[in-house]
């Protein structure tokens, strides 16, 4: 139940992002749901590999290259899907930052609403 609620909230965050930032476009809520799912899958499956492969660059940039990796995941999701579009890499960078901030807020809210039972 928590996972479904988080997925719906992340899709709503994508719609909010598209409304606030003109470089990101989401056609509908269904497109936002699919985009949130694809973003989650890319971040789960592909991001750890990219982080490991780019570890020297990440260390040299003091971790700032992780923002580029997040933007690449955001841009890749937009290229894979029809109802989700990003105008350029700069928009993907800003969009991924805002989406990540929304995800952190959602995670904190979920932890407060549904505390872990020990």
C-alpha atoms as a PDB file:
ATOM      1  CA  UNK A   1       0.000   0.000   0.000  1.00  0.00           C
ATOM      2  CA  UNK A   2       2.852   2.364   0.870  1.00  0.00           C
ATOM      3  CA  UNK A   3       4.539   1.644  -2.442  1.00  0.00           C
ATOM      4  CA  UNK A   4       1.402   2.416  -4.439  1.00  0.00           C
ATOM      5  CA  UNK A   5       0.829   5.652  -2.543  1.00  0.00           C
ATOM      6  CA  UNK A   6       4.459   6.685  -3.096  1.00  0.00           C
ATOM      7  CA  UNK A   7       4.142   5.885  -6.810  1.00  0.00           C
ATOM      8  CA  UNK A   8       0.995   8.025  -7.134  1.00  0.00           C
ATOM      9  CA  UNK A   9       2.621  10.874  -5.215  1.00  0.00           C
ATOM     10  CA  UNK A  10       5.738  10.747  -7.406  1.00  0.00           C
ATOM     11  CA  UNK A  11       3.508  10.858 -10.496  1.00  0.00           C
ATOM     12  CA  UNK A  12       1.755  13.895  -9.015  1.00  0.00           C
ATOM     13  CA  UNK A  13       5.191  15.432  -8.392  1.00  0.00           C
ATOM     14  CA  UNK A  14       5.987  14.950 -12.090  1.00  0.00           C
ATOM     15  CA  UNK A  15       2.772  16.734 -13.018  1.00  0.00           C
ATOM     16  CA  UNK A  16       3.645  19.547 -10.614  1.00  0.00           C
ATOM     17  CA  UNK A  17       7.128  19.758 -12.101  1.00  0.00           C
ATOM     18  CA  UNK A  18       5.693  19.992 -15.628  1.00  0.00           C
ATOM     19  CA  UNK A  19       3.366  22.741 -14.444  1.00  0.00           C
ATOM     20  CA  UNK A  20       6.121  24.744 -12.715  1.00  0.00           C
ATOM     21  CA  UNK A  21       9.036  24.272 -15.128  1.00  0.00           C
ATOM     22  CA  UNK A  22       8.510  24.827 -18.878  1.00  0.00           C
ATOM     23  CA  UNK A  23      11.361  22.515 -19.962  1.00  0.00           C
ATOM     24  CA  UNK A  24       9.483  19.395 -18.815  1.00  0.00           C
ATOM     25  CA  UNK A  25       6.207  18.274 -20.367  1.00  0.00           C
ATOM     26  CA  UNK A  26       3.828  15.563 -19.164  1.00  0.00           C
ATOM     27  CA  UNK A  27       0.707  14.856 -21.236  1.00  0.00           C
ATOM     28  CA  UNK A  28      -1.547  13.209 -18.626  1.00  0.00           C
ATOM     29  CA  UNK A  29      -1.641  11.559 -15.225  1.00  0.00           C
ATOM     30  CA  UNK A  30      -1.329   8.134 -16.859  1.00  0.00           C
ATOM     31  CA  UNK A  31       1.820   9.346 -18.625  1.00  0.00           C
ATOM     32  CA  UNK A  32       3.095  10.632 -15.279  1.00  0.00           C
ATOM     33  CA  UNK A  33       2.424   7.235 -13.666  1.00  0.00           C
ATOM     34  CA  UNK A  34       4.322   5.439 -16.421  1.00  0.00           C
ATOM     35  CA  UNK A  35       7.158   7.985 -16.276  1.00  0.00           C
ATOM     36  CA  UNK A  36       7.442   7.610 -12.493  1.00  0.00           C
ATOM     37  CA  UNK A  37       7.599   3.837 -12.918  1.00  0.00           C
ATOM     38  CA  UNK A  38      10.252   4.046 -15.649  1.00  0.00           C
ATOM     39  CA  UNK A  39      12.283   6.554 -13.616  1.00  0.00           C
ATOM     40  CA  UNK A  40      12.134   4.223 -10.636  1.00  0.00           C
ATOM     41  CA  UNK A  41      13.248   1.246 -12.728  1.00  0.00           C
ATOM     42  CA  UNK A  42      16.097   3.188 -14.361  1.00  0.00           C
ATOM     43  CA  UNK A  43      17.274   4.480 -10.987  1.00  0.00           C
ATOM     44  CA  UNK A  44      17.096   1.009  -9.495  1.00  0.00           C
ATOM     45  CA  UNK A  45      18.712  -0.958 -12.328  1.00  0.00           C
ATOM     46  CA  UNK A  46      20.933   1.370 -14.349  1.00  0.00           C
ATOM     47  CA  UNK A  47      22.010   4.117 -11.942  1.00  0.00           C
ATOM     48  CA  UNK A  48      24.181   1.904  -9.660  1.00  0.00           C
ATOM     49  CA  UNK A  49      26.094   0.643 -12.696  1.00  0.00           C
ATOM     50  CA  UNK A  50      26.660   4.187 -13.961  1.00  0.00           C
ATOM     51  CA  UNK A  51      27.749   5.366 -10.509  1.00  0.00           C
ATOM     52  CA  UNK A  52      30.260   2.538 -10.295  1.00  0.00           C
ATOM     53  CA  UNK A  53      31.603   3.135 -13.814  1.00  0.00           C
ATOM     54  CA  UNK A  54      31.994   6.872 -13.250  1.00  0.00           C
ATOM     55  CA  UNK A  55      33.399   6.602  -9.724  1.00  0.00           C
ATOM     56  CA  UNK A  56      36.729   8.314 -10.544  1.00  0.00           C
ATOM     57  CA  UNK A  57      34.960  11.297 -12.140  1.00  0.00           C
ATOM     58  CA  UNK A  58      32.524  11.432  -9.228  1.00  0.00           C
ATOM     59  CA  UNK A  59      35.367  11.486  -6.707  1.00  0.00           C
ATOM     60  CA  UNK A  60      37.283  14.157  -8.637  1.00  0.00           C
ATOM     61  CA  UNK A  61      34.178  16.337  -8.885  1.00  0.00           C
ATOM     62  CA  UNK A  62      33.449  15.821  -5.162  1.00  0.00           C
ATOM     63  CA  UNK A  63      30.171  14.080  -5.972  1.00  0.00           C
ATOM     64  CA  UNK A  64      28.807  16.724  -8.318  1.00  0.00           C
ATOM     65  CA  UNK A  65      28.868  14.282 -11.240  1.00  0.00           C
ATOM     66  CA  UNK A  66      25.984  12.434  -9.552  1.00  0.00           C
ATOM     67  CA  UNK A  67      23.766  15.341 -10.634  1.00  0.00           C
ATOM     68  CA  UNK A  68      24.752  14.589 -14.232  1.00  0.00           C
ATOM     69  CA  UNK A  69      23.900  10.906 -13.757  1.00  0.00           C
ATOM     70  CA  UNK A  70      20.483  11.853 -12.327  1.00  0.00           C
ATOM     71  CA  UNK A  71      19.885  14.149 -15.291  1.00  0.00           C
ATOM     72  CA  UNK A  72      20.854  11.352 -17.693  1.00  0.00           C
ATOM     73  CA  UNK A  73      18.322   9.022 -16.048  1.00  0.00           C
ATOM     74  CA  UNK A  74      15.643  11.723 -16.309  1.00  0.00           C
ATOM     75  CA  UNK A  75      16.526  12.396 -19.958  1.00  0.00           C
ATOM     76  CA  UNK A  76      16.600   8.672 -20.798  1.00  0.00           C
ATOM     77  CA  UNK A  77      13.123   8.212 -19.349  1.00  0.00           C
ATOM     78  CA  UNK A  78      11.876  11.116 -21.452  1.00  0.00           C
ATOM     79  CA  UNK A  79      13.421   9.609 -24.599  1.00  0.00           C
ATOM     80  CA  UNK A  80      11.818   6.215 -23.901  1.00  0.00           C
ATOM     81  CA  UNK A  81       8.280   7.498 -23.310  1.00  0.00           C
ATOM     82  CA  UNK A  82       5.785   9.312 -25.531  1.00  0.00           C
ATOM     83  CA  UNK A  83       3.807  11.315 -22.967  1.00  0.00           C
ATOM     84  CA  UNK A  84       6.855  12.599 -21.100  1.00  0.00           C
ATOM     85  CA  UNK A  85       9.271  15.049 -22.754  1.00  0.00           C
ATOM     86  CA  UNK A  86      12.294  17.097 -21.732  1.00  0.00           C
ATOM     87  CA  UNK A  87      13.444  19.929 -23.996  1.00  0.00           C
ATOM     88  CA  UNK A  88      17.219  19.623 -23.478  1.00  0.00           C
ATOM     89  CA  UNK A  89      19.896  18.424 -21.053  1.00  0.00           C
ATOM     90  CA  UNK A  90      19.661  21.593 -18.951  1.00  0.00           C
ATOM     91  CA  UNK A  91      15.953  21.015 -18.499  1.00  0.00           C
ATOM     92  CA  UNK A  92      16.696  17.401 -17.550  1.00  0.00           C
ATOM     93  CA  UNK A  93      19.189  18.612 -14.945  1.00  0.00           C
ATOM     94  CA  UNK A  94      16.792  21.118 -13.385  1.00  0.00           C
ATOM     95  CA  UNK A  95      13.882  18.684 -13.687  1.00  0.00           C
ATOM     96  CA  UNK A  96      15.800  15.880 -12.001  1.00  0.00           C
ATOM     97  CA  UNK A  97      16.821  18.196  -9.152  1.00  0.00           C
ATOM     98  CA  UNK A  98      13.249  19.327  -8.524  1.00  0.00           C
ATOM     99  CA  UNK A  99      11.912  15.769  -8.894  1.00  0.00           C
ATOM    100  CA  UNK A 100      14.530  14.494  -6.431  1.00  0.00           C
ATOM    101  CA  UNK A 101      13.583  17.183  -3.914  1.00  0.00           C
ATOM    102  CA  UNK A 102       9.922  16.240  -4.286  1.00  0.00           C
ATOM    103  CA  UNK A 103      10.878  12.581  -3.780  1.00  0.00           C
ATOM    104  CA  UNK A 104      12.720  13.426  -0.570  1.00  0.00           C
ATOM    105  CA  UNK A 105       9.723  15.374   0.752  1.00  0.00           C
ATOM    106  CA  UNK A 106       7.426  12.476  -0.159  1.00  0.00           C
ATOM    107  CA  UNK A 107       9.725   9.983   1.593  1.00  0.00           C
ATOM    108  CA  UNK A 108       9.821  12.076   4.780  1.00  0.00           C
ATOM    109  CA  UNK A 109       6.035  12.480   4.729  1.00  0.00           C
ATOM    110  CA  UNK A 110       5.543   8.752   4.182  1.00  0.00           C
ATOM    111  CA  UNK A 111       7.809   7.933   7.121  1.00  0.00           C
ATOM    112  CA  UNK A 112       5.849  10.276   9.372  1.00  0.00           C
ATOM    113  CA  UNK A 113       2.459   8.984   8.207  1.00  0.00           C
ATOM    114  CA  UNK A 114       3.445   5.318   8.287  1.00  0.00           C
ATOM    115  CA  UNK A 115       6.139   4.833  10.951  1.00  0.00           C
ATOM    116  CA  UNK A 116       8.130   1.612  10.777  1.00  0.00           C
ATOM    117  CA  UNK A 117       6.880  -1.048  13.167  1.00  0.00           C
ATOM    118  CA  UNK A 118       9.675  -2.794  15.063  1.00  0.00           C
END
